[in-house]
PDB file of all heavy atoms in Angstrom:
ATOM      1  N   VAL A   1       0.798  -1.225  -0.005  1.00  0.00           N
ATOM      2  CA  VAL A   1      -0.013   0.011  -0.019  1.00  0.00           C
ATOM      3  C   VAL A   1       0.868   1.245   0.003  1.00  0.00           C
ATOM      4  O   VAL A   1       0.595   2.191  -0.787  1.00  0.00           O
ATOM      5  CB  VAL A   1      -0.937   0.007   1.210  1.00  0.00           C
ATOM      6  CG1 VAL A   1      -1.719   1.290   1.335  1.00  0.00           C
ATOM      7  CG2 VAL A   1      -1.895  -1.184   1.177  1.00  0.00           C
ATOM      8  N   CYS A   2       1.861   1.273   0.862  1.00  0.00           N
ATOM      9  CA  CYS A   2       2.593   2.519   1.070  1.00  0.00           C
ATOM     10  C   CYS A   2       4.017   2.462   0.438  1.00  0.00           C
ATOM     11  O   CYS A   2       4.629   3.468   0.151  1.00  0.00           O
ATOM     12  CB  CYS A   2       2.775   2.837   2.542  1.00  0.00           C
ATOM     13  SG  CYS A   2       1.244   2.764   3.446  1.00  0.00           S
ATOM     14  N   SER A   3       4.527   1.269   0.294  1.00  0.00           N
ATOM     15  CA  SER A   3       5.944   1.102  -0.200  1.00  0.00           C
ATOM     16  C   SER A   3       6.004   1.255  -1.671  1.00  0.00           C
ATOM     17  O   SER A   3       5.012   1.136  -2.417  1.00  0.00           O
ATOM     18  CB  SER A   3       6.443  -0.281   0.229  1.00  0.00           C
ATOM     19  OG  SER A   3       5.619  -1.300  -0.331  1.00  0.00           O
ATOM     20  N   VAL A   4       7.191   1.531  -2.129  1.00  0.00           N
ATOM     21  CA  VAL A   4       7.419   1.696  -3.587  1.00  0.00           C
ATOM     22  C   VAL A   4       8.309   0.599  -4.131  1.00  0.00           C
ATOM     23  O   VAL A   4       8.623   0.557  -5.317  1.00  0.00           O
ATOM     24  CB  VAL A   4       8.100   3.033  -3.881  1.00  0.00           C
ATOM     25  CG1 VAL A   4       7.166   4.172  -3.505  1.00  0.00           C
ATOM     26  CG2 VAL A   4       9.399   3.197  -3.140  1.00  0.00           C
ATOM     27  N   ASN A   5       8.709  -0.351  -3.272  1.00  0.00           N
ATOM     28  CA  ASN A   5       9.594  -1.393  -3.687  1.00  0.00           C
ATOM     29  C   ASN A   5       8.802  -2.602  -4.116  1.00  0.00           C
ATOM     30  O   ASN A   5       8.060  -3.213  -3.339  1.00  0.00           O
ATOM     31  CB  ASN A   5      10.549  -1.790  -2.537  1.00  0.00           C
ATOM     32  CG  ASN A   5      11.688  -2.677  -3.013  1.00  0.00           C
ATOM     33  OD1 ASN A   5      11.467  -3.714  -3.688  1.00  0.00           O
ATOM     34  ND2 ASN A   5      12.917  -2.290  -2.647  1.00  0.00           N
ATOM     35  N   GLY A   6       8.902  -2.974  -5.408  1.00  0.00           N
ATOM     36  CA  GLY A   6       8.052  -4.025  -5.909  1.00  0.00           C
ATOM     37  C   GLY A   6       8.437  -5.412  -5.408  1.00  0.00           C
ATOM     38  O   GLY A   6       7.735  -6.360  -5.674  1.00  0.00           O
ATOM     39  N   GLN A   7       9.575  -5.524  -4.693  1.00  0.00           N
ATOM     40  CA  GLN A   7       9.994  -6.825  -4.188  1.00  0.00           C
ATOM     41  C   GLN A   7       9.231  -7.254  -2.964  1.00  0.00           C
ATOM     42  O   GLN A   7       9.301  -8.392  -2.533  1.00  0.00           O
ATOM     43  CB  GLN A   7      11.513  -6.812  -3.919  1.00  0.00           C
ATOM     44  CG  GLN A   7      12.327  -6.621  -5.168  1.00  0.00           C
ATOM     45  CD  GLN A   7      13.843  -6.576  -4.837  1.00  0.00           C
ATOM     46  OE1 GLN A   7      14.213  -6.612  -3.642  1.00  0.00           O
ATOM     47  NE2 GLN A   7      14.670  -6.428  -5.810  1.00  0.00           N
ATOM     48  N   ARG A   8       8.543  -6.334  -2.303  1.00  0.00           N
ATOM     49  CA  ARG A   8       7.845  -6.678  -1.077  1.00  0.00           C
ATOM     50  C   ARG A   8       6.638  -7.554  -1.392  1.00  0.00           C
ATOM     51  O   ARG A   8       5.983  -7.423  -2.420  1.00  0.00           O
ATOM     52  CB  ARG A   8       7.422  -5.402  -0.381  1.00  0.00           C
ATOM     53  CG  ARG A   8       8.583  -4.560   0.070  1.00  0.00           C
ATOM     54  CD  ARG A   8       8.060  -3.510   1.045  1.00  0.00           C
ATOM     55  NE  ARG A   8       8.995  -2.402   1.133  1.00  0.00           N
ATOM     56  CZ  ARG A   8       8.764  -1.253   1.749  1.00  0.00           C
ATOM     57  NH1 ARG A   8       7.600  -1.060   2.299  1.00  0.00           N
ATOM     58  NH2 ARG A   8       9.691  -0.308   1.825  1.00  0.00           N
ATOM     59  N   VAL A   9       6.330  -8.451  -0.431  1.00  0.00           N
ATOM     60  CA  VAL A   9       5.209  -9.339  -0.591  1.00  0.00           C
ATOM     61  C   VAL A   9       4.126  -8.911   0.357  1.00  0.00           C
ATOM     62  O   VAL A   9       4.369  -8.599   1.567  1.00  0.00           O
ATOM     63  CB  VAL A   9       5.640 -10.798  -0.269  1.00  0.00           C
ATOM     64  CG1 VAL A   9       4.379 -11.710  -0.297  1.00  0.00           C
ATOM     65  CG2 VAL A   9       6.693 -11.254  -1.260  1.00  0.00           C
ATOM     66  N   TYR A  10       2.913  -8.809  -0.123  1.00  0.00           N
ATOM     67  CA  TYR A  10       1.757  -8.420   0.710  1.00  0.00           C
ATOM     68  C   TYR A  10       1.018  -9.649   1.154  1.00  0.00           C
ATOM     69  O   TYR A  10       0.621 -10.452   0.321  1.00  0.00           O
ATOM     70  CB  TYR A  10       0.843  -7.480  -0.088  1.00  0.00           C
ATOM     71  CG  TYR A  10      -0.192  -6.766   0.770  1.00  0.00           C
ATOM     72  CD1 TYR A  10       0.138  -5.544   1.379  1.00  0.00           C
ATOM     73  CD2 TYR A  10      -1.425  -7.284   1.015  1.00  0.00           C
ATOM     74  CE1 TYR A  10      -0.757  -4.876   2.155  1.00  0.00           C
ATOM     75  CE2 TYR A  10      -2.339  -6.623   1.793  1.00  0.00           C
ATOM     76  CZ  TYR A  10      -1.998  -5.399   2.363  1.00  0.00           C
ATOM     77  OH  TYR A  10      -2.939  -4.764   3.160  1.00  0.00           O
ATOM     78  N   ILE A  11       0.837  -9.814   2.444  1.00  0.00           N
ATOM     79  CA  ILE A  11       0.226 -11.003   3.012  1.00  0.00           C
ATOM     80  C   ILE A  11      -1.173 -10.659   3.514  1.00  0.00           C
ATOM     81  O   ILE A  11      -1.312  -9.832   4.441  1.00  0.00           O
ATOM     82  CB  ILE A  11       1.040 -11.612   4.151  1.00  0.00           C
ATOM     83  CG1 ILE A  11       2.504 -11.813   3.742  1.00  0.00           C
ATOM     84  CG2 ILE A  11       0.429 -12.933   4.602  1.00  0.00           C
ATOM     85  CD1 ILE A  11       3.394 -12.276   4.856  1.00  0.00           C
ATOM     86  N   PRO A  12      -2.224 -11.210   2.909  1.00  0.00           N
ATOM     87  CA  PRO A  12      -3.602 -10.943   3.451  1.00  0.00           C
ATOM     88  C   PRO A  12      -3.731 -11.326   4.936  1.00  0.00           C
ATOM     89  O   PRO A  12      -3.020 -12.284   5.386  1.00  0.00           O
ATOM     90  CB  PRO A  12      -4.484 -11.827   2.579  1.00  0.00           C
ATOM     91  CG  PRO A  12      -3.687 -12.104   1.373  1.00  0.00           C
ATOM     92  CD  PRO A  12      -2.221 -12.136   1.805  1.00  0.00           C
ATOM     93  N   LEU A  13      -4.543 -10.633   5.631  1.00  0.00           N
ATOM     94  CA  LEU A  13      -4.744 -10.906   7.062  1.00  0.00           C
ATOM     95  C   LEU A  13      -5.147 -12.347   7.299  1.00  0.00           C
ATOM     96  O   LEU A  13      -4.719 -12.977   8.265  1.00  0.00           O
ATOM     97  CB  LEU A  13      -5.806  -9.956   7.641  1.00  0.00           C
ATOM     98  CG  LEU A  13      -6.027 -10.045   9.130  1.00  0.00           C
ATOM     99  CD1 LEU A  13      -4.752  -9.662   9.934  1.00  0.00           C
ATOM    100  CD2 LEU A  13      -7.155  -9.102   9.562  1.00  0.00           C
ATOM    101  N   SER A  14      -5.920 -12.924   6.374  1.00  0.00           N
ATOM    102  CA  SER A  14      -6.382 -14.299   6.541  1.00  0.00           C
ATOM    103  C   SER A  14      -5.207 -15.321   6.452  1.00  0.00           C
ATOM    104  O   SER A  14      -5.363 -16.441   6.934  1.00  0.00           O
ATOM    105  CB  SER A  14      -7.433 -14.635   5.477  1.00  0.00           C
ATOM    106  OG  SER A  14      -6.859 -14.440   4.161  1.00  0.00           O
ATOM    107  N   ASP A  15      -4.107 -14.887   5.864  1.00  0.00           N
ATOM    108  CA  ASP A  15      -2.936 -15.788   5.781  1.00  0.00           C
ATOM    109  C   ASP A  15      -1.885 -15.578   6.874  1.00  0.00           C
ATOM    110  O   ASP A  15      -0.899 -16.266   6.889  1.00  0.00           O
ATOM    111  CB  ASP A  15      -2.282 -15.624   4.360  1.00  0.00           C
ATOM    112  CG  ASP A  15      -3.147 -16.127   3.277  1.00  0.00           C
ATOM    113  OD1 ASP A  15      -4.066 -16.928   3.518  1.00  0.00           O
ATOM    114  OD2 ASP A  15      -2.944 -15.704   2.116  1.00  0.00           O
ATOM    115  N   ILE A  16      -2.115 -14.536   7.661  1.00  0.00           N
ATOM    116  CA  ILE A  16      -1.201 -14.269   8.801  1.00  0.00           C
ATOM    117  C   ILE A  16      -1.669 -15.087  10.005  1.00  0.00           C
ATOM    118  O   ILE A  16      -2.841 -15.014  10.356  1.00  0.00           O
ATOM    119  CB  ILE A  16      -1.210 -12.764   9.121  1.00  0.00           C
ATOM    120  CG1 ILE A  16      -0.593 -11.964   7.948  1.00  0.00           C
ATOM    121  CG2 ILE A  16      -0.382 -12.497  10.408  1.00  0.00           C
ATOM    122  CD1 ILE A  16      -0.654 -10.443   8.143  1.00  0.00           C
ATOM    123  N   PRO A  17      -0.801 -15.879  10.603  1.00  0.00           N
ATOM    124  CA  PRO A  17      -1.191 -16.678  11.775  1.00  0.00           C
ATOM    125  C   PRO A  17      -1.890 -15.785  12.808  1.00  0.00           C
ATOM    126  O   PRO A  17      -1.373 -14.706  13.153  1.00  0.00           O
ATOM    127  CB  PRO A  17       0.148 -17.191  12.276  1.00  0.00           C
ATOM    128  CG  PRO A  17       1.025 -17.274  11.094  1.00  0.00           C
ATOM    129  CD  PRO A  17       0.642 -16.076  10.279  1.00  0.00           C
ATOM    130  N   PRO A  18      -3.039 -16.207  13.318  1.00  0.00           N
ATOM    131  CA  PRO A  18      -3.800 -15.382  14.266  1.00  0.00           C
ATOM    132  C   PRO A  18      -2.979 -14.903  15.439  1.00  0.00           C
ATOM    133  O   PRO A  18      -3.123 -13.773  15.911  1.00  0.00           O
ATOM    134  CB  PRO A  18      -4.920 -16.278  14.719  1.00  0.00           C
ATOM    135  CG  PRO A  18      -5.140 -17.236  13.569  1.00  0.00           C
ATOM    136  CD  PRO A  18      -3.790 -17.435  13.015  1.00  0.00           C
ATOM    137  N   LEU A  19      -2.068 -15.760  15.954  1.00  0.00           N
ATOM    138  CA  LEU A  19      -1.278 -15.400  17.104  1.00  0.00           C
ATOM    139  C   LEU A  19      -0.320 -14.216  16.832  1.00  0.00           C
ATOM    140  O   LEU A  19      -0.029 -13.419  17.729  1.00  0.00           O
ATOM    141  CB  LEU A  19      -0.530 -16.571  17.674  1.00  0.00           C
ATOM    142  CG  LEU A  19       0.117 -16.386  19.046  1.00  0.00           C
ATOM    143  CD1 LEU A  19      -0.967 -16.084  20.113  1.00  0.00           C
ATOM    144  CD2 LEU A  19       0.889 -17.632  19.489  1.00  0.00           C
ATOM    145  N   VAL A  20       0.110 -14.101  15.580  1.00  0.00           N
ATOM    146  CA  VAL A  20       0.981 -12.976  15.206  1.00  0.00           C
ATOM    147  C   VAL A  20       0.212 -11.650  15.304  1.00  0.00           C
ATOM    148  O   VAL A  20       0.653 -10.694  15.866  1.00  0.00           O
ATOM    149  CB  VAL A  20       1.539 -13.153  13.767  1.00  0.00           C
ATOM    150  CG1 VAL A  20       2.285 -11.921  13.337  1.00  0.00           C
ATOM    151  CG2 VAL A  20       2.451 -14.384  13.700  1.00  0.00           C
ATOM    152  N   ALA A  21      -1.010 -11.661  14.710  1.00  0.00           N
ATOM    153  CA  ALA A  21      -1.836 -10.476  14.786  1.00  0.00           C
ATOM    154  C   ALA A  21      -2.239 -10.150  16.216  1.00  0.00           C
ATOM    155  O   ALA A  21      -2.260  -8.995  16.671  1.00  0.00           O
ATOM    156  CB  ALA A  21      -3.100 -10.671  13.947  1.00  0.00           C
ATOM    157  N   GLN A  22      -2.516 -11.174  16.992  1.00  0.00           N
ATOM    158  CA  GLN A  22      -2.922 -10.978  18.404  1.00  0.00           C
ATOM    159  C   GLN A  22      -1.737 -10.423  19.206  1.00  0.00           C
ATOM    160  O   GLN A  22      -1.905  -9.543  20.082  1.00  0.00           O
ATOM    161  CB  GLN A  22      -3.357 -12.306  19.012  1.00  0.00           C
ATOM    162  CG  GLN A  22      -4.690 -12.770  18.485  1.00  0.00           C
ATOM    163  CD  GLN A  22      -4.986 -14.258  18.811  1.00  0.00           C
ATOM    164  OE1 GLN A  22      -4.089 -14.971  19.305  1.00  0.00           O
ATOM    165  NE2 GLN A  22      -6.219 -14.671  18.583  1.00  0.00           N
ATOM    166  N   ALA A  23      -0.522 -10.856  18.931  1.00  0.00           N
ATOM    167  CA  ALA A  23       0.639 -10.371  19.690  1.00  0.00           C
ATOM    168  C   ALA A  23       0.837  -8.900  19.316  1.00  0.00           C
ATOM    169  O   ALA A  23       1.143  -8.042  20.227  1.00  0.00           O
ATOM    170  CB  ALA A  23       1.898 -11.121  19.263  1.00  0.00           C
ATOM    171  N   VAL A  24       0.674  -8.489  18.074  1.00  0.00           N
ATOM    172  CA  VAL A  24       0.845  -7.060  17.687  1.00  0.00           C
ATOM    173  C   VAL A  24      -0.285  -6.246  18.370  1.00  0.00           C
ATOM    174  O   VAL A  24       0.005  -5.138  18.841  1.00  0.00           O
ATOM    175  CB  VAL A  24       0.748  -6.933  16.146  1.00  0.00           C
ATOM    176  CG1 VAL A  24       0.650  -5.481  15.770  1.00  0.00           C
ATOM    177  CG2 VAL A  24       2.000  -7.537  15.550  1.00  0.00           C
ATOM    178  N   LEU A  25      -1.496  -6.721  18.389  1.00  0.00           N
ATOM    179  CA  LEU A  25      -2.555  -6.059  19.124  1.00  0.00           C
ATOM    180  C   LEU A  25      -2.266  -5.858  20.594  1.00  0.00           C
ATOM    181  O   LEU A  25      -2.431  -4.794  21.146  1.00  0.00           O
ATOM    182  CB  LEU A  25      -3.896  -6.764  18.916  1.00  0.00           C
ATOM    183  CG  LEU A  25      -4.528  -6.717  17.516  1.00  0.00           C
ATOM    184  CD1 LEU A  25      -5.695  -7.643  17.452  1.00  0.00           C
ATOM    185  CD2 LEU A  25      -4.964  -5.301  17.167  1.00  0.00           C
ATOM    186  N   ALA A  26      -1.770  -6.948  21.210  1.00  0.00           N
ATOM    187  CA  ALA A  26      -1.410  -6.870  22.630  1.00  0.00           C
ATOM    188  C   ALA A  26      -0.348  -5.861  22.868  1.00  0.00           C
ATOM    189  O   ALA A  26      -0.367  -5.134  23.904  1.00  0.00           O
ATOM    190  CB  ALA A  26      -1.013  -8.242  23.144  1.00  0.00           C
ATOM    191  N   ALA A  27       0.599  -5.749  21.940  1.00  0.00           N
ATOM    192  CA  ALA A  27       1.742  -4.859  22.149  1.00  0.00           C
ATOM    193  C   ALA A  27       1.390  -3.401  21.845  1.00  0.00           C
ATOM    194  O   ALA A  27       1.880  -2.483  22.503  1.00  0.00           O
ATOM    195  CB  ALA A  27       2.910  -5.286  21.304  1.00  0.00           C
ATOM    196  N   GLU A  28       0.575  -3.155  20.835  1.00  0.00           N
ATOM    197  CA  GLU A  28       0.356  -1.832  20.318  1.00  0.00           C
ATOM    198  C   GLU A  28      -1.003  -1.239  20.671  1.00  0.00           C
ATOM    199  O   GLU A  28      -1.094  -0.018  20.905  1.00  0.00           O
ATOM    200  CB  GLU A  28       0.493  -1.836  18.774  1.00  0.00           C
ATOM    201  CG  GLU A  28       1.868  -2.138  18.268  1.00  0.00           C
ATOM    202  CD  GLU A  28       2.871  -0.995  18.578  1.00  0.00           C
ATOM    203  OE1 GLU A  28       2.445   0.155  18.693  1.00  0.00           O
ATOM    204  OE2 GLU A  28       4.055  -1.311  18.729  1.00  0.00           O
ATOM    205  N   ASP A  29      -2.020  -2.060  20.710  1.00  0.00           N
ATOM    206  CA  ASP A  29      -3.386  -1.476  20.838  1.00  0.00           C
ATOM    207  C   ASP A  29      -4.320  -2.543  21.351  1.00  0.00           C
ATOM    208  O   ASP A  29      -5.152  -3.040  20.588  1.00  0.00           O
ATOM    209  CB  ASP A  29      -3.856  -0.956  19.458  1.00  0.00           C
ATOM    210  CG  ASP A  29      -4.829   0.204  19.591  1.00  0.00           C
ATOM    211  OD1 ASP A  29      -5.399   0.359  20.680  1.00  0.00           O
ATOM    212  OD2 ASP A  29      -5.009   0.925  18.582  1.00  0.00           O
TER     213      ASP A  29
END
């Protein structure tokens, strides 16, 4: 969305392990 480097891979939320998203939520918000 924000980057200009075409080498980056975008991972849909559905493909991100739930615990990874939960850890970020616990840490940030």
